[in-house]
Amino acid sequence: MRGQSYTIGDAIARGDRIWGYCTETSCRHMAVLDLLMLRDRLGADHGALRADLVPKLRCAQCGSRRVGIIITPGTKEYGGNPYEGG
């Protein structure tokens, strides 16, 4: 995505999943972020890359702000687009 923007709306349209994970050694919780909820709270044009999202996240299990994200594409190999047809 170098030189381009990547927004929450883009992630939803492409069917990408964004996983949040806790980096606390005593926790290591991992979950798929609810992009529809993030779109409603932050707007579809809000950035969806690390620098855009990580400051807004907190681990749902332990409350830590030490989190990271992983983006997986909405391709057939990764389960397709979960936002289509619903």
PDB file of N, CA and C in Angstrom:
ATOM      1  N   MET A   1       0.811  -1.195   0.000  1.00  0.00           N
ATOM      2  CA  MET A   1       0.000   0.000   0.000  1.00  0.00           C
ATOM      3  C   MET A   1       0.859   1.265   0.000  1.00  0.00           C
ATOM      4  N   ARG A   2       2.118   1.153  -0.225  1.00  0.00           N
ATOM      5  CA  ARG A   2       3.014   2.308  -0.176  1.00  0.00           C
ATOM      6  C   ARG A   2       2.538   3.379  -1.149  1.00  0.00           C
ATOM      7  N   GLY A   3       2.438   4.629  -0.626  1.00  0.00           N
ATOM      8  CA  GLY A   3       2.048   5.749  -1.459  1.00  0.00           C
ATOM      9  C   GLY A   3       0.553   5.860  -1.676  1.00  0.00           C
ATOM     10  N   GLN A   4      -0.214   4.959  -1.119  1.00  0.00           N
ATOM     11  CA  GLN A   4      -1.656   4.967  -1.279  1.00  0.00           C
ATOM     12  C   GLN A   4      -2.303   4.980   0.091  1.00  0.00           C
ATOM     13  N   SER A   5      -3.555   5.428   0.125  1.00  0.00           N
ATOM     14  CA  SER A   5      -4.288   5.346   1.382  1.00  0.00           C
ATOM     15  C   SER A   5      -5.014   4.005   1.438  1.00  0.00           C
ATOM     16  N   TYR A   6      -5.285   3.544   2.607  1.00  0.00           N
ATOM     17  CA  TYR A   6      -6.025   2.301   2.829  1.00  0.00           C
ATOM     18  C   TYR A   6      -6.936   2.590   4.001  1.00  0.00           C
ATOM     19  N   THR A   7      -8.233   2.590   3.741  1.00  0.00           N
ATOM     20  CA  THR A   7      -9.199   3.004   4.744  1.00  0.00           C
ATOM     21  C   THR A   7     -10.033   1.831   5.247  1.00  0.00           C
ATOM     22  N   ILE A   8     -10.787   2.091   6.288  1.00  0.00           N
ATOM     23  CA  ILE A   8     -11.720   1.083   6.797  1.00  0.00           C
ATOM     24  C   ILE A   8     -12.718   0.717   5.703  1.00  0.00           C
ATOM     25  N   GLY A   9     -13.191   1.707   4.964  1.00  0.00           N
ATOM     26  CA  GLY A   9     -14.097   1.437   3.842  1.00  0.00           C
ATOM     27  C   GLY A   9     -13.463   0.552   2.792  1.00  0.00           C
ATOM     28  N   ASP A  10     -12.183   0.769   2.498  1.00  0.00           N
ATOM     29  CA  ASP A  10     -11.461  -0.084   1.546  1.00  0.00           C
ATOM     30  C   ASP A  10     -11.397  -1.524   2.050  1.00  0.00           C
ATOM     31  N   ALA A  11     -11.086  -1.679   3.331  1.00  0.00           N
ATOM     32  CA  ALA A  11     -10.976  -3.024   3.912  1.00  0.00           C
ATOM     33  C   ALA A  11     -12.304  -3.759   3.819  1.00  0.00           C
ATOM     34  N   ILE A  12     -13.401  -3.058   4.093  1.00  0.00           N
ATOM     35  CA  ILE A  12     -14.725  -3.679   4.010  1.00  0.00           C
ATOM     36  C   ILE A  12     -15.045  -4.038   2.561  1.00  0.00           C
ATOM     37  N   ALA A  13     -14.805  -3.116   1.629  1.00  0.00           N
ATOM     38  CA  ALA A  13     -15.103  -3.359   0.216  1.00  0.00           C
ATOM     39  C   ALA A  13     -14.303  -4.535  -0.338  1.00  0.00           C
ATOM     40  N   ARG A  14     -13.068  -4.681   0.099  1.00  0.00           N
ATOM     41  CA  ARG A  14     -12.214  -5.778  -0.370  1.00  0.00           C
ATOM     42  C   ARG A  14     -12.463  -7.072   0.377  1.00  0.00           C
ATOM     43  N   GLY A  15     -13.163  -6.991   1.507  1.00  0.00           N
ATOM     44  CA  GLY A  15     -13.402  -8.186   2.309  1.00  0.00           C
ATOM     45  C   GLY A  15     -12.219  -8.571   3.171  1.00  0.00           C
ATOM     46  N   ASP A  16     -11.302  -7.635   3.378  1.00  0.00           N
ATOM     47  CA  ASP A  16     -10.141  -7.914   4.215  1.00  0.00           C
ATOM     48  C   ASP A  16     -10.568  -8.074   5.669  1.00  0.00           C
ATOM     49  N   ARG A  17      -9.803  -8.852   6.396  1.00  0.00           N
ATOM     50  CA  ARG A  17      -9.995  -8.969   7.839  1.00  0.00           C
ATOM     51  C   ARG A  17      -8.794  -8.311   8.502  1.00  0.00           C
ATOM     52  N   ILE A  18      -9.052  -7.590   9.571  1.00  0.00           N
ATOM     53  CA  ILE A  18      -7.977  -6.989  10.342  1.00  0.00           C
ATOM     54  C   ILE A  18      -8.031  -7.613  11.727  1.00  0.00           C
ATOM     55  N   TRP A  19      -6.949  -8.271  12.067  1.00  0.00           N
ATOM     56  CA  TRP A  19      -6.825  -8.944  13.352  1.00  0.00           C
ATOM     57  C   TRP A  19      -6.081  -8.022  14.306  1.00  0.00           C
ATOM     58  N   GLY A  20      -6.559  -7.920  15.514  1.00  0.00           N
ATOM     59  CA  GLY A  20      -5.832  -7.229  16.561  1.00  0.00           C
ATOM     60  C   GLY A  20      -5.234  -8.271  17.488  1.00  0.00           C
ATOM     61  N   TYR A  21      -4.013  -8.032  17.937  1.00  0.00           N
ATOM     62  CA  TYR A  21      -3.390  -8.980  18.863  1.00  0.00           C
ATOM     63  C   TYR A  21      -2.673  -8.228  19.980  1.00  0.00           C
ATOM     64  N   CYS A  22      -2.739  -8.795  21.160  1.00  0.00           N
ATOM     65  CA  CYS A  22      -2.117  -8.225  22.343  1.00  0.00           C
ATOM     66  C   CYS A  22      -0.671  -8.697  22.422  1.00  0.00           C
ATOM     67  N   THR A  23       0.231  -7.781  22.707  1.00  0.00           N
ATOM     68  CA  THR A  23       1.646  -8.154  22.799  1.00  0.00           C
ATOM     69  C   THR A  23       2.104  -8.388  24.233  1.00  0.00           C
ATOM     70  N   GLU A  24       1.194  -8.270  25.193  1.00  0.00           N
ATOM     71  CA  GLU A  24       1.538  -8.576  26.587  1.00  0.00           C
ATOM     72  C   GLU A  24       1.828 -10.078  26.691  1.00  0.00           C
ATOM     73  N   THR A  25       2.973 -10.442  27.248  1.00  0.00           N
ATOM     74  CA  THR A  25       3.359 -11.852  27.311  1.00  0.00           C
ATOM     75  C   THR A  25       2.398 -12.681  28.162  1.00  0.00           C
ATOM     76  N   SER A  26       1.726 -12.060  29.109  1.00  0.00           N
ATOM     77  CA  SER A  26       0.792 -12.807  29.950  1.00  0.00           C
ATOM     78  C   SER A  26      -0.594 -12.936  29.318  1.00  0.00           C
ATOM     79  N   CYS A  27      -0.806 -12.331  28.148  1.00  0.00           N
ATOM     80  CA  CYS A  27      -2.142 -12.333  27.544  1.00  0.00           C
ATOM     81  C   CYS A  27      -2.139 -13.001  26.161  1.00  0.00           C
ATOM     82  N   ARG A  28      -1.563 -12.324  25.182  1.00  0.00           N
ATOM     83  CA  ARG A  28      -1.484 -12.811  23.787  1.00  0.00           C
ATOM     84  C   ARG A  28      -2.858 -13.027  23.142  1.00  0.00           C
ATOM     85  N   HIS A  29      -3.884 -12.326  23.609  1.00  0.00           N
ATOM     86  CA  HIS A  29      -5.226 -12.422  23.029  1.00  0.00           C
ATOM     87  C   HIS A  29      -5.195 -11.957  21.575  1.00  0.00           C
ATOM     88  N   MET A  30      -6.018 -12.573  20.727  1.00  0.00           N
ATOM     89  CA  MET A  30      -6.101 -12.214  19.317  1.00  0.00           C
ATOM     90  C   MET A  30      -7.554 -12.292  18.881  1.00  0.00           C
ATOM     91  N   ALA A  31      -8.000 -11.319  18.098  1.00  0.00           N
ATOM     92  CA  ALA A  31      -9.387 -11.312  17.642  1.00  0.00           C
ATOM     93  C   ALA A  31      -9.501 -10.533  16.335  1.00  0.00           C
ATOM     94  N   VAL A  32     -10.507 -10.882  15.536  1.00  0.00           N
ATOM     95  CA  VAL A  32     -10.810 -10.127  14.323  1.00  0.00           C
ATOM     96  C   VAL A  32     -11.527  -8.850  14.738  1.00  0.00           C
ATOM     97  N   LEU A  33     -11.081  -7.713  14.211  1.00  0.00           N
ATOM     98  CA  LEU A  33     -11.724  -6.441  14.522  1.00  0.00           C
ATOM     99  C   LEU A  33     -13.062  -6.346  13.791  1.00  0.00           C
ATOM    100  N   ASP A  34     -14.030  -5.750  14.426  1.00  0.00           N
ATOM    101  CA  ASP A  34     -15.346  -5.537  13.834  1.00  0.00           C
ATOM    102  C   ASP A  34     -15.264  -4.272  12.971  1.00  0.00           C
ATOM    103  N   LEU A  35     -15.030  -4.457  11.674  1.00  0.00           N
ATOM    104  CA  LEU A  35     -14.828  -3.316  10.792  1.00  0.00           C
ATOM    105  C   LEU A  35     -16.091  -2.482  10.611  1.00  0.00           C
ATOM    106  N   LEU A  36     -17.262  -3.118  10.678  1.00  0.00           N
ATOM    107  CA  LEU A  36     -18.498  -2.356  10.556  1.00  0.00           C
ATOM    108  C   LEU A  36     -18.674  -1.424  11.748  1.00  0.00           C
ATOM    109  N   MET A  37     -18.334  -1.895  12.941  1.00  0.00           N
ATOM    110  CA  MET A  37     -18.397  -1.060  14.134  1.00  0.00           C
ATOM    111  C   MET A  37     -17.357   0.059  14.050  1.00  0.00           C
ATOM    112  N   LEU A  38     -16.151  -0.266  13.594  1.00  0.00           N
ATOM    113  CA  LEU A  38     -15.124   0.760  13.449  1.00  0.00           C
ATOM    114  C   LEU A  38     -15.538   1.806  12.418  1.00  0.00           C
ATOM    115  N   ARG A  39     -16.158   1.362  11.326  1.00  0.00           N
ATOM    116  CA  ARG A  39     -16.654   2.303  10.321  1.00  0.00           C
ATOM    117  C   ARG A  39     -17.685   3.245  10.930  1.00  0.00           C
ATOM    118  N   ASP A  40     -18.590   2.691  11.736  1.00  0.00           N
ATOM    119  CA  ASP A  40     -19.630   3.514  12.355  1.00  0.00           C
ATOM    120  C   ASP A  40     -19.044   4.500  13.365  1.00  0.00           C
ATOM    121  N   ARG A  41     -18.010   4.098  14.074  1.00  0.00           N
ATOM    122  CA  ARG A  41     -17.399   4.970  15.097  1.00  0.00           C
ATOM    123  C   ARG A  41     -16.408   5.968  14.525  1.00  0.00           C
ATOM    124  N   LEU A  42     -15.576   5.506  13.578  1.00  0.00           N
ATOM    125  CA  LEU A  42     -14.478   6.335  13.085  1.00  0.00           C
ATOM    126  C   LEU A  42     -14.723   6.907  11.696  1.00  0.00           C
ATOM    127  N   GLY A  43     -15.635   6.305  10.944  1.00  0.00           N
ATOM    128  CA  GLY A  43     -15.917   6.725   9.579  1.00  0.00           C
ATOM    129  C   GLY A  43     -15.229   5.822   8.568  1.00  0.00           C
ATOM    130  N   ALA A  44     -15.855   5.665   7.418  1.00  0.00           N
ATOM    131  CA  ALA A  44     -15.326   4.794   6.362  1.00  0.00           C
ATOM    132  C   ALA A  44     -14.007   5.309   5.807  1.00  0.00           C
ATOM    133  N   ASP A  45     -13.759   6.604   5.904  1.00  0.00           N
ATOM    134  CA  ASP A  45     -12.538   7.193   5.359  1.00  0.00           C
ATOM    135  C   ASP A  45     -11.368   7.200   6.340  1.00  0.00           C
ATOM    136  N   HIS A  46     -11.587   6.652   7.541  1.00  0.00           N
ATOM    137  CA  HIS A  46     -10.498   6.588   8.521  1.00  0.00           C
ATOM    138  C   HIS A  46      -9.478   5.562   8.056  1.00  0.00           C
ATOM    139  N   GLY A  47      -8.215   5.867   8.218  1.00  0.00           N
ATOM    140  CA  GLY A  47      -7.147   4.957   7.816  1.00  0.00           C
ATOM    141  C   GLY A  47      -7.225   3.617   8.533  1.00  0.00           C
ATOM    142  N   ALA A  48      -6.779   2.567   7.847  1.00  0.00           N
ATOM    143  CA  ALA A  48      -6.838   1.218   8.410  1.00  0.00           C
ATOM    144  C   ALA A  48      -5.466   0.569   8.521  1.00  0.00           C
ATOM    145  N   LEU A  49      -4.414   1.349   8.403  1.00  0.00           N
ATOM    146  CA  LEU A  49      -3.073   0.811   8.573  1.00  0.00           C
ATOM    147  C   LEU A  49      -2.652   0.927  10.035  1.00  0.00           C
ATOM    148  N   ARG A  50      -1.511   0.342  10.372  1.00  0.00           N
ATOM    149  CA  ARG A  50      -1.047   0.283  11.756  1.00  0.00           C
ATOM    150  C   ARG A  50      -1.068   1.643  12.446  1.00  0.00           C
ATOM    151  N   ALA A  51      -0.469   2.644  11.830  1.00  0.00           N
ATOM    152  CA  ALA A  51      -0.376   3.965  12.452  1.00  0.00           C
ATOM    153  C   ALA A  51      -1.747   4.596  12.674  1.00  0.00           C
ATOM    154  N   ASP A  52      -2.726   4.199  11.887  1.00  0.00           N
ATOM    155  CA  ASP A  52      -4.075   4.750  11.998  1.00  0.00           C
ATOM    156  C   ASP A  52      -4.895   4.072  13.088  1.00  0.00           C
ATOM    157  N   LEU A  53      -4.756   2.751  13.210  1.00  0.00           N
ATOM    158  CA  LEU A  53      -5.636   1.988  14.093  1.00  0.00           C
ATOM    159  C   LEU A  53      -5.055   1.684  15.468  1.00  0.00           C
ATOM    160  N   VAL A  54      -3.792   1.333  15.536  1.00  0.00           N
ATOM    161  CA  VAL A  54      -3.220   0.880  16.806  1.00  0.00           C
ATOM    162  C   VAL A  54      -3.431   1.885  17.951  1.00  0.00           C
ATOM    163  N   PRO A  55      -3.279   3.193  17.720  1.00  0.00           N
ATOM    164  CA  PRO A  55      -3.520   4.130  18.831  1.00  0.00           C
ATOM    165  C   PRO A  55      -4.963   4.120  19.347  1.00  0.00           C
ATOM    166  N   LYS A  56      -5.875   3.588  18.572  1.00  0.00           N
ATOM    167  CA  LYS A  56      -7.286   3.553  18.951  1.00  0.00           C
ATOM    168  C   LYS A  56      -7.681   2.239  19.639  1.00  0.00           C
ATOM    169  N   LEU A  57      -6.775   1.262  19.643  1.00  0.00           N
ATOM    170  CA  LEU A  57      -7.125  -0.081  20.106  1.00  0.00           C
ATOM    171  C   LEU A  57      -6.673  -0.353  21.533  1.00  0.00           C
ATOM    172  N   ARG A  58      -7.377  -1.283  22.143  1.00  0.00           N
ATOM    173  CA  ARG A  58      -7.053  -1.779  23.484  1.00  0.00           C
ATOM    174  C   ARG A  58      -7.455  -3.253  23.495  1.00  0.00           C
ATOM    175  N   CYS A  59      -6.676  -4.089  24.154  1.00  0.00           N
ATOM    176  CA  CYS A  59      -6.987  -5.513  24.243  1.00  0.00           C
ATOM    177  C   CYS A  59      -8.310  -5.702  24.987  1.00  0.00           C
ATOM    178  N   ALA A  60      -9.206  -6.458  24.386  1.00  0.00           N
ATOM    179  CA  ALA A  60     -10.518  -6.716  24.998  1.00  0.00           C
ATOM    180  C   ALA A  60     -10.408  -7.654  26.193  1.00  0.00           C
ATOM    181  N   GLN A  61      -9.306  -8.388  26.279  1.00  0.00           N
ATOM    182  CA  GLN A  61      -9.154  -9.351  27.369  1.00  0.00           C
ATOM    183  C   GLN A  61      -8.472  -8.749  28.592  1.00  0.00           C
ATOM    184  N   CYS A  62      -7.334  -8.069  28.386  1.00  0.00           N
ATOM    185  CA  CYS A  62      -6.578  -7.561  29.544  1.00  0.00           C
ATOM    186  C   CYS A  62      -6.574  -6.040  29.653  1.00  0.00           C
ATOM    187  N   GLY A  63      -7.035  -5.346  28.612  1.00  0.00           N
ATOM    188  CA  GLY A  63      -7.095  -3.891  28.646  1.00  0.00           C
ATOM    189  C   GLY A  63      -5.828  -3.182  28.220  1.00  0.00           C
ATOM    190  N   SER A  64      -4.788  -3.914  27.872  1.00  0.00           N
ATOM    191  CA  SER A  64      -3.517  -3.312  27.478  1.00  0.00           C
ATOM    192  C   SER A  64      -3.667  -2.532  26.174  1.00  0.00           C
ATOM    193  N   ARG A  65      -2.879  -1.485  26.060  1.00  0.00           N
ATOM    194  CA  ARG A  65      -2.809  -0.730  24.803  1.00  0.00           C
ATOM    195  C   ARG A  65      -1.628  -1.215  23.949  1.00  0.00           C
ATOM    196  N   ARG A  66      -0.931  -2.222  24.413  1.00  0.00           N
ATOM    197  CA  ARG A  66       0.183  -2.798  23.654  1.00  0.00           C
ATOM    198  C   ARG A  66      -0.374  -3.827  22.693  1.00  0.00           C
ATOM    199  N   VAL A  67      -0.800  -3.344  21.526  1.00  0.00           N
ATOM    200  CA  VAL A  67      -1.433  -4.209  20.536  1.00  0.00           C
ATOM    201  C   VAL A  67      -0.806  -3.997  19.163  1.00  0.00           C
ATOM    202  N   GLY A  68      -1.044  -4.943  18.296  1.00  0.00           N
ATOM    203  CA  GLY A  68      -0.621  -4.854  16.904  1.00  0.00           C
ATOM    204  C   GLY A  68      -1.770  -5.297  16.028  1.00  0.00           C
ATOM    205  N   ILE A  69      -1.585  -5.181  14.721  1.00  0.00           N
ATOM    206  CA  ILE A  69      -2.612  -5.652  13.793  1.00  0.00           C
ATOM    207  C   ILE A  69      -1.982  -6.482  12.685  1.00  0.00           C
ATOM    208  N   ILE A  70      -2.794  -7.366  12.132  1.00  0.00           N
ATOM    209  CA  ILE A  70      -2.444  -8.159  10.960  1.00  0.00           C
ATOM    210  C   ILE A  70      -3.613  -8.036  10.004  1.00  0.00           C
ATOM    211  N   ILE A  71      -3.324  -7.753   8.737  1.00  0.00           N
ATOM    212  CA  ILE A  71      -4.374  -7.633   7.727  1.00  0.00           C
ATOM    213  C   ILE A  71      -4.300  -8.853   6.823  1.00  0.00           C
ATOM    214  N   THR A  72      -5.436  -9.560   6.689  1.00  0.00           N
ATOM    215  CA  THR A  72      -5.496 -10.700   5.777  1.00  0.00           C
ATOM    216  C   THR A  72      -6.470 -10.361   4.655  1.00  0.00           C
ATOM    217  N   PRO A  73      -6.123 -10.717   3.425  1.00  0.00           N
ATOM    218  CA  PRO A  73      -6.943 -10.331   2.283  1.00  0.00           C
ATOM    219  C   PRO A  73      -8.261 -11.085   2.214  1.00  0.00           C
ATOM    220  N   GLY A  74      -9.247 -10.458   1.600  1.00  0.00           N
ATOM    221  CA  GLY A  74     -10.554 -11.079   1.428  1.00  0.00           C
ATOM    222  C   GLY A  74     -10.611 -11.934   0.180  1.00  0.00           C
ATOM    223  N   THR A  75      -9.633 -12.790   0.014  1.00  0.00           N
ATOM    224  CA  THR A  75      -9.594 -13.676  -1.149  1.00  0.00           C
ATOM    225  C   THR A  75     -10.243 -15.012  -0.807  1.00  0.00           C
ATOM    226  N   LYS A  76     -10.521 -15.776  -1.831  1.00  0.00           N
ATOM    227  CA  LYS A  76     -11.138 -17.088  -1.633  1.00  0.00           C
ATOM    228  C   LYS A  76     -10.306 -17.948  -0.674  1.00  0.00           C
ATOM    229  N   GLU A  77      -8.999 -17.869  -0.793  1.00  0.00           N
ATOM    230  CA  GLU A  77      -8.109 -18.659   0.061  1.00  0.00           C
ATOM    231  C   GLU A  77      -8.256 -18.288   1.542  1.00  0.00           C
ATOM    232  N   TYR A  78      -8.660 -17.060   1.799  1.00  0.00           N
ATOM    233  CA  TYR A  78      -8.820 -16.583   3.158  1.00  0.00           C
ATOM    234  C   TYR A  78     -10.294 -16.486   3.557  1.00  0.00           C
ATOM    235  N   GLY A  79     -11.163 -17.167   2.850  1.00  0.00           N
ATOM    236  CA  GLY A  79     -12.569 -17.210   3.222  1.00  0.00           C
ATOM    237  C   GLY A  79     -13.465 -16.241   2.473  1.00  0.00           C
ATOM    238  N   GLY A  80     -12.928 -15.489   1.520  1.00  0.00           N
ATOM    239  CA  GLY A  80     -13.749 -14.572   0.742  1.00  0.00           C
ATOM    240  C   GLY A  80     -14.123 -13.319   1.515  1.00  0.00           C
ATOM    241  N   ASN A  81     -15.084 -12.590   0.988  1.00  0.00           N
ATOM    242  CA  ASN A  81     -15.518 -11.333   1.590  1.00  0.00           C
ATOM    243  C   ASN A  81     -16.659 -11.584   2.565  1.00  0.00           C
ATOM    244  N   PRO A  82     -16.433 -11.420   3.865  1.00  0.00           N
ATOM    245  CA  PRO A  82     -17.494 -11.684   4.847  1.00  0.00           C
ATOM    246  C   PRO A  82     -18.599 -10.631   4.841  1.00  0.00           C
ATOM    247  N   TYR A  83     -18.401  -9.537   4.111  1.00  0.00           N
ATOM    248  CA  TYR A  83     -19.368  -8.444   4.095  1.00  0.00           C
ATOM    249  C   TYR A  83     -20.320  -8.489   2.899  1.00  0.00           C
ATOM    250  N   GLU A  84     -20.108  -9.432   1.989  1.00  0.00           N
ATOM    251  CA  GLU A  84     -20.981  -9.561   0.815  1.00  0.00           C
ATOM    252  C   GLU A  84     -22.170 -10.437   1.132  1.00  0.00           C
ATOM    253  N   GLY A  85     -23.270 -10.119   0.487  1.00  0.00           N
ATOM    254  CA  GLY A  85     -24.452 -10.969   0.560  1.00  0.00           C
ATOM    255  C   GLY A  85     -25.195 -10.930   1.873  1.00  0.00           C
ATOM    256  N   GLY A  86     -24.890 -10.006   2.760  1.00  0.00           N
ATOM    257  CA  GLY A  86     -25.554 -10.004   4.045  1.00  0.00           C
ATOM    258  C   GLY A  86     -26.220  -8.772   4.310  1.00  0.00           C
TER     259      GLY A  86
END
